[in-house]
Structures are given as C-alpha cells and as structure tokens.
Amino acid sequence: MRAKPKKLKIGNIRKRLQSEAEHLWKRYCLERDKVCQLCGGSKVLQVHHLFSRGYKNIFIDVANGITLCSVCHTGVTFQDCHKEKLRRIVIAKDKDSYDRLYEQSLDRRPFLFWKDVNWLEQQRDVLNEGIKK
C-alpha cells in the first residue's frame, strides 16, 4: 500500500518562502557589496538590516541591507559603534533609497503581505533576477 503524499499546509509554505526570501536577500546584498562597507574587510561577512527586522514592510528590501564583517556587525548591533558613520555611508551611496526606507519605517501598520504566499513568491523571483544580473 502506498503512503499518501503529505499536503503542505499554507503556514509551512509561507515559512519556507519567508526563509527563502531572507536567504536570497542576504545573498543579493553580499554579492552587491562584496566587502565590509565599514572597514573593507572580507572575512566572515554578514548582512545588517539598516532598519530593524521588525519592519516587515522593508525586511527584504535590498536597500535595507548592508554588508559588514562580523566584528563591525557586532559593534554596530550591540555597542552602537559606527552607527552614524554607517548611516552616512548609506546616504552617500543612495540618499533616495534611505529616505524611502525611513518613510516606510514610520508606517507601523501590520504588513500583511509578509504572510501572503503570492507576494513572497513574487519577491523571491525579483531577488533571484537581481542576483542573476
């Protein structure tokens, strides 16, 4: 007797897509920046959210990510080191994107698309296309 294939619950699909979108977001930012944007180092690179991960409306916006080495990332995240320098670097690169992110961060309404499977699939495809360029 054959086992019935398991049906994926919509919640599991959504979680998988959220995880995949975040992975692609990180990959996109790492490939775009190539080195730590604070010190120029290339060891143990990570991606830092300029605006907190709690802002789901800009969580996987590539303008909200910047590549940092683990030392700089720890300093920025836990010790408030270099935060102003980081902000100046980001604004110098693309002030319009920074201003857009800032405005969007002020919108504290629930961001329902983060739970929408179709939107997540669309974002995944956009990130994949950006990586291929």
N, C-alpha and C. Protein backbone atom coordinates (compact mmCIF):
# COMPACT_ATOMS: atom_id res chain seq x y z
N MET A 1 0.83 -1.16 0.00
CA MET A 1 0.00 0.00 0.00
C MET A 1 0.89 1.25 0.00
N ARG A 2 0.60 2.19 -0.88
CA ARG A 2 1.39 3.42 -0.99
C ARG A 2 0.94 4.46 0.02
N ALA A 3 1.92 5.12 0.57
CA ALA A 3 1.60 6.20 1.51
C ALA A 3 1.10 7.41 0.74
N LYS A 4 0.14 8.08 1.31
CA LYS A 4 -0.38 9.29 0.69
C LYS A 4 0.67 10.39 0.80
N PRO A 5 0.83 11.18 -0.27
CA PRO A 5 1.76 12.29 -0.17
C PRO A 5 1.24 13.31 0.84
N LYS A 6 2.16 13.88 1.61
CA LYS A 6 1.77 14.86 2.60
C LYS A 6 1.38 16.16 1.91
N LYS A 7 0.29 16.74 2.37
CA LYS A 7 -0.10 18.05 1.88
C LYS A 7 0.64 19.10 2.70
N LEU A 8 1.19 20.06 2.00
CA LEU A 8 1.86 21.15 2.70
C LEU A 8 0.81 22.14 3.18
N LYS A 9 0.87 22.46 4.43
CA LYS A 9 -0.04 23.46 4.97
C LYS A 9 0.43 24.82 4.52
N ILE A 10 -0.53 25.74 4.34
CA ILE A 10 -0.20 27.08 3.86
C ILE A 10 0.80 27.77 4.79
N GLY A 11 0.70 27.51 6.10
CA GLY A 11 1.65 28.10 7.05
C GLY A 11 3.06 27.61 6.82
N ASN A 12 3.22 26.33 6.48
CA ASN A 12 4.54 25.78 6.20
C ASN A 12 5.11 26.35 4.91
N ILE A 13 4.25 26.50 3.91
CA ILE A 13 4.68 27.09 2.63
C ILE A 13 5.15 28.52 2.88
N ARG A 14 4.36 29.27 3.65
CA ARG A 14 4.69 30.67 3.93
C ARG A 14 6.03 30.77 4.67
N LYS A 15 6.24 29.94 5.67
CA LYS A 15 7.51 29.97 6.42
C LYS A 15 8.69 29.62 5.53
N ARG A 16 8.50 28.65 4.65
CA ARG A 16 9.57 28.27 3.73
C ARG A 16 9.90 29.43 2.80
N LEU A 17 8.86 30.10 2.27
CA LEU A 17 9.07 31.22 1.37
C LEU A 17 9.72 32.41 2.10
N GLN A 18 9.32 32.66 3.34
CA GLN A 18 9.93 33.74 4.11
C GLN A 18 11.42 33.47 4.32
N SER A 19 11.74 32.24 4.66
CA SER A 19 13.13 31.85 4.87
C SER A 19 13.93 31.96 3.57
N GLU A 20 13.33 31.50 2.48
CA GLU A 20 13.99 31.56 1.18
C GLU A 20 14.22 33.00 0.75
N ALA A 21 13.22 33.86 0.98
CA ALA A 21 13.34 35.27 0.60
C ALA A 21 14.46 35.94 1.41
N GLU A 22 14.54 35.64 2.70
CA GLU A 22 15.60 36.23 3.52
C GLU A 22 16.98 35.74 3.06
N HIS A 23 17.09 34.46 2.73
CA HIS A 23 18.35 33.91 2.24
C HIS A 23 18.77 34.62 0.94
N LEU A 24 17.83 34.80 0.02
CA LEU A 24 18.13 35.47 -1.24
C LEU A 24 18.50 36.94 -1.01
N TRP A 25 17.82 37.58 -0.07
CA TRP A 25 18.11 38.97 0.28
C TRP A 25 19.57 39.08 0.75
N LYS A 26 19.97 38.18 1.63
CA LYS A 26 21.35 38.18 2.13
C LYS A 26 22.34 37.95 0.99
N ARG A 27 22.04 36.98 0.16
CA ARG A 27 22.93 36.66 -0.96
C ARG A 27 23.07 37.86 -1.90
N TYR A 28 21.95 38.51 -2.20
CA TYR A 28 21.95 39.68 -3.07
C TYR A 28 22.86 40.77 -2.48
N CYS A 29 22.67 41.07 -1.20
CA CYS A 29 23.46 42.13 -0.56
C CYS A 29 24.94 41.78 -0.51
N LEU A 30 25.26 40.53 -0.20
CA LEU A 30 26.66 40.10 -0.15
C LEU A 30 27.32 40.21 -1.52
N GLU A 31 26.61 39.79 -2.57
CA GLU A 31 27.18 39.86 -3.92
C GLU A 31 27.30 41.30 -4.39
N ARG A 32 26.37 42.15 -3.99
CA ARG A 32 26.41 43.56 -4.39
C ARG A 32 27.58 44.27 -3.73
N ASP A 33 27.76 44.08 -2.41
CA ASP A 33 28.75 44.85 -1.65
C ASP A 33 30.15 44.24 -1.67
N LYS A 34 30.25 42.94 -1.67
CA LYS A 34 31.49 42.18 -1.75
C LYS A 34 32.41 42.25 -0.52
N VAL A 35 32.49 43.40 0.16
CA VAL A 35 33.35 43.56 1.34
C VAL A 35 32.58 44.33 2.41
N CYS A 36 33.13 44.34 3.61
CA CYS A 36 32.54 45.12 4.70
C CYS A 36 32.51 46.59 4.29
N GLN A 37 31.36 47.20 4.40
CA GLN A 37 31.21 48.59 3.98
C GLN A 37 31.75 49.58 5.00
N LEU A 38 32.15 49.11 6.17
CA LEU A 38 32.77 49.99 7.17
C LEU A 38 34.29 49.92 7.12
N CYS A 39 34.85 48.71 7.16
CA CYS A 39 36.31 48.58 7.27
C CYS A 39 36.97 48.04 6.00
N GLY A 40 36.18 47.55 5.05
CA GLY A 40 36.74 47.00 3.82
C GLY A 40 37.20 45.56 3.93
N GLY A 41 37.02 44.96 5.11
CA GLY A 41 37.44 43.57 5.31
C GLY A 41 36.56 42.59 4.55
N SER A 42 37.08 41.38 4.37
CA SER A 42 36.33 40.38 3.62
C SER A 42 36.17 39.06 4.37
N LYS A 43 36.53 39.05 5.66
CA LYS A 43 36.39 37.81 6.45
C LYS A 43 35.05 37.80 7.17
N VAL A 44 34.40 36.67 7.18
CA VAL A 44 33.14 36.43 7.89
C VAL A 44 32.16 37.57 7.65
N LEU A 45 31.70 37.68 6.40
CA LEU A 45 30.77 38.75 6.04
C LEU A 45 29.34 38.38 6.43
N GLN A 46 28.61 39.39 6.89
CA GLN A 46 27.22 39.24 7.29
C GLN A 46 26.45 40.42 6.72
N VAL A 47 25.13 40.32 6.73
CA VAL A 47 24.31 41.43 6.23
C VAL A 47 23.53 42.03 7.40
N HIS A 48 23.64 43.34 7.52
CA HIS A 48 22.99 44.08 8.61
C HIS A 48 21.75 44.79 8.07
N HIS A 49 20.65 44.69 8.81
CA HIS A 49 19.44 45.46 8.48
C HIS A 49 19.65 46.90 8.98
N LEU A 50 19.55 47.86 8.08
CA LEU A 50 19.66 49.26 8.49
C LEU A 50 18.49 49.63 9.40
N PHE A 51 17.31 49.21 8.99
CA PHE A 51 16.11 49.37 9.81
C PHE A 51 15.73 47.98 10.30
N SER A 52 15.38 47.89 11.54
CA SER A 52 15.16 46.63 12.24
C SER A 52 14.38 45.59 11.44
N ARG A 53 14.68 44.34 11.75
CA ARG A 53 13.98 43.20 11.14
C ARG A 53 12.48 43.26 11.46
N GLY A 54 12.12 43.99 12.48
CA GLY A 54 10.72 44.10 12.88
C GLY A 54 9.87 44.85 11.87
N TYR A 55 10.52 45.63 11.00
CA TYR A 55 9.78 46.35 9.96
C TYR A 55 9.58 45.42 8.77
N LYS A 56 8.56 44.60 8.82
CA LYS A 56 8.35 43.59 7.78
C LYS A 56 8.12 44.20 6.41
N ASN A 57 7.61 45.44 6.36
CA ASN A 57 7.37 46.07 5.06
C ASN A 57 8.66 46.38 4.31
N ILE A 58 9.80 46.42 5.02
CA ILE A 58 11.09 46.66 4.35
C ILE A 58 12.13 45.60 4.72
N PHE A 59 11.67 44.52 5.32
CA PHE A 59 12.55 43.45 5.81
C PHE A 59 13.48 42.92 4.72
N ILE A 60 12.94 42.63 3.54
CA ILE A 60 13.76 42.05 2.46
C ILE A 60 13.98 43.03 1.31
N ASP A 61 13.85 44.31 1.59
CA ASP A 61 14.18 45.35 0.61
C ASP A 61 15.71 45.42 0.56
N VAL A 62 16.30 45.24 -0.62
CA VAL A 62 17.77 45.19 -0.70
C VAL A 62 18.42 46.51 -0.28
N ALA A 63 17.69 47.60 -0.34
CA ALA A 63 18.23 48.87 0.14
C ALA A 63 18.35 48.89 1.66
N ASN A 64 17.68 47.97 2.34
CA ASN A 64 17.72 47.88 3.80
C ASN A 64 18.82 46.95 4.30
N GLY A 65 19.69 46.51 3.42
CA GLY A 65 20.77 45.63 3.82
C GLY A 65 22.12 46.19 3.45
N ILE A 66 23.09 45.99 4.33
CA ILE A 66 24.46 46.42 4.05
C ILE A 66 25.40 45.35 4.60
N THR A 67 26.44 45.06 3.83
CA THR A 67 27.39 44.01 4.21
C THR A 67 28.41 44.56 5.20
N LEU A 68 28.57 43.79 6.30
CA LEU A 68 29.55 44.12 7.33
C LEU A 68 30.30 42.86 7.71
N CYS A 69 31.56 43.01 8.12
CA CYS A 69 32.27 41.86 8.68
C CYS A 69 31.69 41.59 10.07
N SER A 70 31.97 40.43 10.61
CA SER A 70 31.36 40.06 11.90
C SER A 70 31.78 41.02 13.02
N VAL A 71 33.00 41.53 12.97
CA VAL A 71 33.47 42.46 14.01
C VAL A 71 32.68 43.77 13.94
N CYS A 72 32.57 44.35 12.75
CA CYS A 72 31.82 45.60 12.60
C CYS A 72 30.34 45.38 12.89
N HIS A 73 29.81 44.25 12.45
CA HIS A 73 28.39 43.95 12.67
C HIS A 73 28.10 43.88 14.17
N THR A 74 28.97 43.22 14.91
CA THR A 74 28.79 43.14 16.37
C THR A 74 28.85 44.53 16.99
N GLY A 75 29.80 45.34 16.55
CA GLY A 75 29.93 46.69 17.08
C GLY A 75 28.70 47.54 16.81
N VAL A 76 28.19 47.47 15.59
CA VAL A 76 27.01 48.25 15.22
C VAL A 76 25.78 47.76 15.97
N THR A 77 25.62 46.45 16.05
CA THR A 77 24.40 45.87 16.62
C THR A 77 24.34 45.97 18.14
N PHE A 78 25.44 45.66 18.80
CA PHE A 78 25.39 45.54 20.26
C PHE A 78 26.06 46.68 21.02
N GLN A 79 26.90 47.46 20.36
CA GLN A 79 27.63 48.50 21.08
C GLN A 79 27.39 49.90 20.51
N ASP A 80 26.51 50.02 19.54
CA ASP A 80 26.21 51.30 18.89
C ASP A 80 27.44 51.97 18.29
N CYS A 81 28.49 51.19 18.05
CA CYS A 81 29.69 51.73 17.41
C CYS A 81 29.41 51.98 15.93
N HIS A 82 29.91 53.03 15.41
CA HIS A 82 29.90 53.32 13.98
C HIS A 82 28.50 53.50 13.37
N LYS A 83 27.44 53.61 14.19
CA LYS A 83 26.10 53.73 13.60
C LYS A 83 25.97 54.98 12.74
N GLU A 84 26.49 56.10 13.22
CA GLU A 84 26.39 57.34 12.46
C GLU A 84 27.24 57.26 11.20
N LYS A 85 28.44 56.68 11.30
CA LYS A 85 29.29 56.50 10.12
C LYS A 85 28.59 55.62 9.09
N LEU A 86 27.96 54.56 9.55
CA LEU A 86 27.23 53.65 8.66
C LEU A 86 26.09 54.39 7.96
N ARG A 87 25.35 55.20 8.72
CA ARG A 87 24.25 55.96 8.14
C ARG A 87 24.77 56.92 7.06
N ARG A 88 25.89 57.57 7.32
CA ARG A 88 26.47 58.50 6.33
C ARG A 88 26.90 57.76 5.06
N ILE A 89 27.47 56.57 5.22
CA ILE A 89 27.88 55.76 4.07
C ILE A 89 26.67 55.42 3.21
N VAL A 90 25.61 54.98 3.86
CA VAL A 90 24.40 54.58 3.14
C VAL A 90 23.78 55.77 2.42
N ILE A 91 23.70 56.91 3.10
CA ILE A 91 23.11 58.11 2.49
C ILE A 91 23.97 58.57 1.32
N ALA A 92 25.29 58.50 1.44
CA ALA A 92 26.17 58.91 0.34
C ALA A 92 25.98 58.03 -0.89
N LYS A 93 25.71 56.75 -0.67
CA LYS A 93 25.52 55.82 -1.80
C LYS A 93 24.18 56.03 -2.49
N ASP A 94 23.12 56.22 -1.69
CA ASP A 94 21.78 56.30 -2.28
C ASP A 94 20.81 56.96 -1.30
N LYS A 95 20.85 58.28 -1.27
CA LYS A 95 20.01 59.03 -0.33
C LYS A 95 18.53 58.79 -0.57
N ASP A 96 18.12 58.69 -1.83
CA ASP A 96 16.70 58.49 -2.12
C ASP A 96 16.18 57.18 -1.52
N SER A 97 16.97 56.12 -1.65
CA SER A 97 16.55 54.83 -1.08
C SER A 97 16.50 54.91 0.44
N TYR A 98 17.49 55.57 1.04
CA TYR A 98 17.49 55.71 2.50
C TYR A 98 16.26 56.48 2.96
N ASP A 99 15.96 57.58 2.27
CA ASP A 99 14.79 58.39 2.64
C ASP A 99 13.50 57.58 2.49
N ARG A 100 13.42 56.78 1.42
CA ARG A 100 12.24 55.93 1.20
C ARG A 100 12.09 54.92 2.33
N LEU A 101 13.20 54.27 2.69
CA LEU A 101 13.16 53.31 3.79
C LEU A 101 12.74 53.97 5.10
N TYR A 102 13.29 55.16 5.34
CA TYR A 102 12.94 55.87 6.57
C TYR A 102 11.44 56.15 6.62
N GLU A 103 10.89 56.66 5.52
CA GLU A 103 9.45 56.94 5.46
C GLU A 103 8.64 55.67 5.68
N GLN A 104 9.05 54.59 5.05
CA GLN A 104 8.32 53.33 5.20
C GLN A 104 8.44 52.79 6.62
N SER A 105 9.56 53.08 7.29
CA SER A 105 9.73 52.58 8.66
C SER A 105 8.78 53.28 9.63
N LEU A 106 8.29 54.44 9.26
CA LEU A 106 7.35 55.17 10.11
C LEU A 106 5.95 54.57 10.08
N ASP A 107 5.68 53.78 9.05
CA ASP A 107 4.37 53.14 8.91
C ASP A 107 4.34 51.88 9.77
N ARG A 108 3.68 51.96 10.90
CA ARG A 108 3.67 50.84 11.84
C ARG A 108 2.42 49.97 11.73
N ARG A 109 1.66 50.15 10.65
CA ARG A 109 0.51 49.27 10.46
C ARG A 109 1.01 47.85 10.19
N PRO A 110 0.21 46.85 10.54
CA PRO A 110 0.62 45.46 10.24
C PRO A 110 0.86 45.29 8.74
N PHE A 111 1.94 44.63 8.40
CA PHE A 111 2.28 44.40 6.99
C PHE A 111 1.82 43.01 6.62
N LEU A 112 0.64 42.94 6.04
CA LEU A 112 0.01 41.65 5.79
C LEU A 112 0.63 40.89 4.64
N PHE A 113 1.30 41.58 3.71
CA PHE A 113 1.89 40.88 2.57
C PHE A 113 2.95 39.88 3.02
N TRP A 114 3.62 40.15 4.16
CA TRP A 114 4.65 39.25 4.66
C TRP A 114 4.09 37.85 4.88
N LYS A 115 2.77 37.75 5.02
CA LYS A 115 2.12 36.46 5.22
C LYS A 115 1.42 35.97 3.95
N ASP A 116 1.55 36.72 2.87
CA ASP A 116 0.88 36.38 1.61
C ASP A 116 1.82 35.56 0.73
N VAL A 117 1.45 34.34 0.44
CA VAL A 117 2.30 33.42 -0.32
C VAL A 117 2.61 33.97 -1.71
N ASN A 118 1.61 34.54 -2.38
CA ASN A 118 1.84 35.07 -3.74
C ASN A 118 2.85 36.22 -3.72
N TRP A 119 2.74 37.11 -2.73
CA TRP A 119 3.68 38.23 -2.63
C TRP A 119 5.09 37.71 -2.35
N LEU A 120 5.19 36.73 -1.46
CA LEU A 120 6.50 36.15 -1.14
C LEU A 120 7.13 35.49 -2.36
N GLU A 121 6.33 34.78 -3.15
CA GLU A 121 6.85 34.16 -4.38
C GLU A 121 7.34 35.23 -5.34
N GLN A 122 6.59 36.32 -5.44
CA GLN A 122 6.97 37.42 -6.33
C GLN A 122 8.30 38.04 -5.87
N GLN A 123 8.44 38.27 -4.56
CA GLN A 123 9.68 38.84 -4.03
C GLN A 123 10.86 37.90 -4.25
N ARG A 124 10.63 36.61 -4.09
CA ARG A 124 11.68 35.61 -4.33
C ARG A 124 12.16 35.71 -5.78
N ASP A 125 11.22 35.82 -6.71
CA ASP A 125 11.57 35.91 -8.12
C ASP A 125 12.35 37.20 -8.42
N VAL A 126 11.94 38.31 -7.82
CA VAL A 126 12.63 39.59 -8.02
C VAL A 126 14.07 39.49 -7.50
N LEU A 127 14.25 38.91 -6.32
CA LEU A 127 15.60 38.76 -5.76
C LEU A 127 16.45 37.83 -6.62
N ASN A 128 15.87 36.75 -7.08
CA ASN A 128 16.61 35.83 -7.96
C ASN A 128 17.06 36.53 -9.23
N GLU A 129 16.19 37.34 -9.81
CA GLU A 129 16.55 38.08 -11.03
C GLU A 129 17.69 39.06 -10.75
N GLY A 130 17.63 39.72 -9.60
CA GLY A 130 18.68 40.67 -9.23
C GLY A 130 20.03 39.99 -9.05
N ILE A 131 20.01 38.78 -8.52
CA ILE A 131 21.25 38.03 -8.31
C ILE A 131 21.84 37.59 -9.65
N LYS A 132 21.01 37.26 -10.61
CA LYS A 132 21.48 36.77 -11.91
C LYS A 132 22.14 37.86 -12.73
N LYS A 133 21.84 39.13 -12.44
CA LYS A 133 22.38 40.24 -13.26
C LYS A 133 23.86 40.42 -13.06
